[in-house]
C-alpha atoms as a PDB file:
ATOM      1  CA  UNK A   1      14.341 -19.446  20.992  1.00  0.00           C
ATOM      2  CA  UNK A   2      16.558 -16.781  22.548  1.00  0.00           C
ATOM      3  CA  UNK A   3      15.437 -13.173  22.425  1.00  0.00           C
ATOM      4  CA  UNK A   4      18.036 -12.127  19.852  1.00  0.00           C
ATOM      5  CA  UNK A   5      16.753 -14.742  17.405  1.00  0.00           C
ATOM      6  CA  UNK A   6      13.323 -13.085  17.512  1.00  0.00           C
ATOM      7  CA  UNK A   7      15.010  -9.699  17.062  1.00  0.00           C
ATOM      8  CA  UNK A   8      16.760 -10.911  13.894  1.00  0.00           C
ATOM      9  CA  UNK A   9      13.483 -12.324  12.533  1.00  0.00           C
ATOM     10  CA  UNK A  10      11.621  -9.062  13.202  1.00  0.00           C
ATOM     11  CA  UNK A  11      14.381  -7.020  11.548  1.00  0.00           C
ATOM     12  CA  UNK A  12      14.379  -9.306   8.503  1.00  0.00           C
ATOM     13  CA  UNK A  13      10.592  -9.093   8.121  1.00  0.00           C
ATOM     14  CA  UNK A  14      10.709  -5.332   8.604  1.00  0.00           C
ATOM     15  CA  UNK A  15      13.357  -4.889   5.921  1.00  0.00           C
ATOM     16  CA  UNK A  16      11.367  -7.051   3.492  1.00  0.00           C
ATOM     17  CA  UNK A  17       8.153  -5.089   4.083  1.00  0.00           C
ATOM     18  CA  UNK A  18      10.020  -1.793   3.880  1.00  0.00           C
ATOM     19  CA  UNK A  19      11.641  -2.816   0.611  1.00  0.00           C
ATOM     20  CA  UNK A  20       8.288  -3.768  -0.889  1.00  0.00           C
ATOM     21  CA  UNK A  21       6.767  -0.448   0.175  1.00  0.00           C
ATOM     22  CA  UNK A  22       9.707   1.456  -1.322  1.00  0.00           C
ATOM     23  CA  UNK A  23       9.354  -0.457  -4.598  1.00  0.00           C
ATOM     24  CA  UNK A  24       5.635   0.302  -4.696  1.00  0.00           C
ATOM     25  CA  UNK A  25       6.157   4.008  -4.003  1.00  0.00           C
ATOM     26  CA  UNK A  26       8.893   4.341  -6.632  1.00  0.00           C
ATOM     27  CA  UNK A  27       6.717   2.462  -9.131  1.00  0.00           C
ATOM     28  CA  UNK A  28       3.979   5.078  -8.727  1.00  0.00           C
ATOM     29  CA  UNK A  29       6.418   7.854  -9.671  1.00  0.00           C
ATOM     30  CA  UNK A  30       7.610   6.030 -12.792  1.00  0.00           C
ATOM     31  CA  UNK A  31       5.382   5.926 -15.896  1.00  0.00           C
ATOM     32  CA  UNK A  32       4.583   2.217 -15.749  1.00  0.00           C
ATOM     33  CA  UNK A  33       1.687   0.518 -17.449  1.00  0.00           C
ATOM     34  CA  UNK A  34      -1.205  -0.818 -15.381  1.00  0.00           C
ATOM     35  CA  UNK A  35      -0.157  -4.421 -16.011  1.00  0.00           C
ATOM     36  CA  UNK A  36       3.250  -3.824 -14.436  1.00  0.00           C
ATOM     37  CA  UNK A  37       1.649  -2.111 -11.448  1.00  0.00           C
ATOM     38  CA  UNK A  38      -0.631  -5.111 -10.932  1.00  0.00           C
ATOM     39  CA  UNK A  39       2.371  -7.450 -10.912  1.00  0.00           C
ATOM     40  CA  UNK A  40       3.988  -5.376  -8.185  1.00  0.00           C
END
């Protein structure tokens, strides 16, 4: 594959991981129950 295809894949994976981390951090600030935290 060309180099820019790998760049797009890395950016996509990075945005997914970043989004999950942001969701997890915001979930800690909100008063959620333990069951909801386990789902996340």
